Amino acid sequence: EPFGHENPAPIFILQNVSLVQSPQLMKEAHVKCFVFADGIIKPVVFFNRPELYDKFLQLGQQSLCITAQVSENYWNGKTSIELVGLDVYFTIEN
């Protein structure tokens, strides 16, 4: 609620995003990284996308675009807003 079969969760496109630290591979299946865009740093988790780990490591200063959904994470009595990554587009610089 309020999302369901007839009302899917919105998907956001984040353009010109850059990584602010090395990605983390969690449980050999999920990739977590911190991204910077529009003056904000946010964590993004890509579930069941381990192939992205090496691609993020090789990224360097290159920017990328991410599609994601917004999620609330409840941990130890604190609520934080996180992004659940759905897909990523790596730009090619010549």
C-alpha atoms as a PDB file:
ATOM      1  CA  GLU A   1       0.000   0.000   0.000  1.00  0.00           C
ATOM      2  CA  PRO A   2      -0.422   2.325  -1.762  1.00  0.00           C
ATOM      3  CA  PHE A   3       1.325   0.219  -4.417  1.00  0.00           C
ATOM      4  CA  GLY A   4      -0.085  -2.976  -5.799  1.00  0.00           C
ATOM      5  CA  HIS A   5      -1.084  -4.769  -8.970  1.00  0.00           C
ATOM      6  CA  GLU A   6      -3.111  -1.884 -10.346  1.00  0.00           C
ATOM      7  CA  ASN A   7      -0.807   0.821  -8.965  1.00  0.00           C
ATOM      8  CA  PRO A   8       2.879  -0.074  -9.440  1.00  0.00           C
ATOM      9  CA  ALA A   9       5.631   1.684  -7.498  1.00  0.00           C
ATOM     10  CA  PRO A  10       7.165   4.594  -9.436  1.00  0.00           C
ATOM     11  CA  ILE A  11      10.521   4.172 -11.137  1.00  0.00           C
ATOM     12  CA  PHE A  12      12.977   7.071 -11.142  1.00  0.00           C
ATOM     13  CA  ILE A  13      15.811   7.805 -13.550  1.00  0.00           C
ATOM     14  CA  LEU A  14      18.960   9.289 -12.029  1.00  0.00           C
ATOM     15  CA  GLN A  15      21.201  10.869 -14.658  1.00  0.00           C
ATOM     16  CA  ASN A  16      24.852  11.933 -14.439  1.00  0.00           C
ATOM     17  CA  VAL A  17      25.452   9.945 -11.265  1.00  0.00           C
ATOM     18  CA  SER A  18      28.951   9.252  -9.946  1.00  0.00           C
ATOM     19  CA  LEU A  19      30.192   6.740  -7.385  1.00  0.00           C
ATOM     20  CA  VAL A  20      31.639   8.231  -4.204  1.00  0.00           C
ATOM     21  CA  GLN A  21      33.338   5.062  -2.910  1.00  0.00           C
ATOM     22  CA  SER A  22      34.047   1.493  -3.964  1.00  0.00           C
ATOM     23  CA  PRO A  23      31.014  -0.782  -4.268  1.00  0.00           C
ATOM     24  CA  GLN A  24      30.338  -3.578  -1.791  1.00  0.00           C
ATOM     25  CA  LEU A  25      29.417  -7.116  -2.801  1.00  0.00           C
ATOM     26  CA  MET A  26      27.007  -8.485  -0.207  1.00  0.00           C
ATOM     27  CA  LYS A  27      26.385 -12.229   0.178  1.00  0.00           C
ATOM     28  CA  GLU A  28      27.933 -12.700  -3.289  1.00  0.00           C
ATOM     29  CA  ALA A  29      24.611 -11.641  -4.823  1.00  0.00           C
ATOM     30  CA  HIS A  30      23.838  -7.992  -4.104  1.00  0.00           C
ATOM     31  CA  VAL A  31      25.789  -4.829  -4.897  1.00  0.00           C
ATOM     32  CA  LYS A  32      25.629  -1.773  -2.671  1.00  0.00           C
ATOM     33  CA  CYS A  33      27.158   1.534  -3.659  1.00  0.00           C
ATOM     34  CA  PHE A  34      26.920   5.176  -2.706  1.00  0.00           C
ATOM     35  CA  VAL A  35      26.155   7.588  -5.510  1.00  0.00           C
ATOM     36  CA  PHE A  36      26.325  11.356  -5.839  1.00  0.00           C
ATOM     37  CA  ALA A  37      23.946  13.446  -7.942  1.00  0.00           C
ATOM     38  CA  ASP A  38      22.499  16.937  -7.593  1.00  0.00           C
ATOM     39  CA  GLY A  39      24.401  17.584  -4.358  1.00  0.00           C
ATOM     40  CA  ILE A  40      23.065  14.465  -2.602  1.00  0.00           C
ATOM     41  CA  ILE A  41      24.767  11.200  -1.648  1.00  0.00           C
ATOM     42  CA  LYS A  42      22.482   8.161  -1.362  1.00  0.00           C
ATOM     43  CA  PRO A  43      23.012   4.412  -1.048  1.00  0.00           C
ATOM     44  CA  VAL A  44      21.761   2.223  -3.890  1.00  0.00           C
ATOM     45  CA  VAL A  45      21.351  -1.539  -3.605  1.00  0.00           C
ATOM     46  CA  PHE A  46      21.089  -3.759  -6.674  1.00  0.00           C
ATOM     47  CA  PHE A  47      19.580  -7.058  -5.514  1.00  0.00           C
ATOM     48  CA  ASN A  48      20.654 -10.249  -7.323  1.00  0.00           C
ATOM     49  CA  ARG A  49      22.941  -8.325  -9.700  1.00  0.00           C
ATOM     50  CA  PRO A  50      26.470  -9.534  -8.764  1.00  0.00           C
ATOM     51  CA  GLU A  51      27.699  -8.931 -12.330  1.00  0.00           C
ATOM     52  CA  LEU A  52      27.523  -5.186 -11.655  1.00  0.00           C
ATOM     53  CA  TYR A  53      30.235  -5.346  -8.972  1.00  0.00           C
ATOM     54  CA  ASP A  54      33.182  -5.621 -11.387  1.00  0.00           C
ATOM     55  CA  LYS A  55      31.642  -3.055 -13.729  1.00  0.00           C
ATOM     56  CA  PHE A  56      31.369  -0.550 -10.873  1.00  0.00           C
ATOM     57  CA  LEU A  57      34.979  -1.252  -9.859  1.00  0.00           C
ATOM     58  CA  GLN A  58      36.165  -0.434 -13.392  1.00  0.00           C
ATOM     59  CA  LEU A  59      34.042   2.709 -13.673  1.00  0.00           C
ATOM     60  CA  GLY A  60      36.571   5.254 -12.399  1.00  0.00           C
ATOM     61  CA  GLN A  61      35.376   8.850 -12.817  1.00  0.00           C
ATOM     62  CA  GLN A  62      32.875   7.948 -15.526  1.00  0.00           C
ATOM     63  CA  SER A  63      29.266   8.989 -14.942  1.00  0.00           C
ATOM     64  CA  LEU A  64      26.301   6.665 -15.246  1.00  0.00           C
ATOM     65  CA  CYS A  65      22.507   6.606 -15.256  1.00  0.00           C
ATOM     66  CA  ILE A  66      20.476   4.480 -12.846  1.00  0.00           C
ATOM     67  CA  THR A  67      16.828   3.461 -12.739  1.00  0.00           C
ATOM     68  CA  ALA A  68      15.641   2.896  -9.185  1.00  0.00           C
ATOM     69  CA  GLN A  69      12.717   2.726  -6.810  1.00  0.00           C
ATOM     70  CA  VAL A  70      12.616   4.534  -3.484  1.00  0.00           C
ATOM     71  CA  SER A  71      12.524   2.406  -0.337  1.00  0.00           C
ATOM     72  CA  GLU A  72      12.383   3.045   3.408  1.00  0.00           C
ATOM     73  CA  ASN A  73      14.919   1.062   5.416  1.00  0.00           C
ATOM     74  CA  TYR A  74      14.126   0.434   9.090  1.00  0.00           C
ATOM     75  CA  TRP A  75      17.177  -0.573  11.139  1.00  0.00           C
ATOM     76  CA  ASN A  76      17.828  -0.252  14.879  1.00  0.00           C
ATOM     77  CA  GLY A  77      14.927   2.151  15.364  1.00  0.00           C
ATOM     78  CA  LYS A  78      16.055   4.467  12.564  1.00  0.00           C
ATOM     79  CA  THR A  79      14.375   5.046   9.232  1.00  0.00           C
ATOM     80  CA  SER A  80      16.402   6.015   6.195  1.00  0.00           C
ATOM     81  CA  ILE A  81      15.545   6.489   2.546  1.00  0.00           C
ATOM     82  CA  GLU A  82      17.414   4.196   0.186  1.00  0.00           C
ATOM     83  CA  LEU A  83      17.277   3.474  -3.501  1.00  0.00           C
ATOM     84  CA  VAL A  84      16.703  -0.012  -4.891  1.00  0.00           C
ATOM     85  CA  GLY A  85      18.567  -0.128  -8.174  1.00  0.00           C
ATOM     86  CA  LEU A  86      16.784  -1.765 -11.063  1.00  0.00           C
ATOM     87  CA  ASP A  87      19.166  -1.147 -13.929  1.00  0.00           C
ATOM     88  CA  VAL A  88      22.212   0.893 -14.841  1.00  0.00           C
ATOM     89  CA  TYR A  89      23.511   2.483 -18.011  1.00  0.00           C
ATOM     90  CA  PHE A  90      27.251   3.002 -18.224  1.00  0.00           C
ATOM     91  CA  THR A  91      28.102   5.928 -20.480  1.00  0.00           C
ATOM     92  CA  ILE A  92      31.026   5.548 -22.848  1.00  0.00           C
ATOM     93  CA  GLU A  93      33.610   8.311 -22.910  1.00  0.00           C
ATOM     94  CA  ASN A  94      36.046   8.598 -25.803  1.00  0.00           C
END
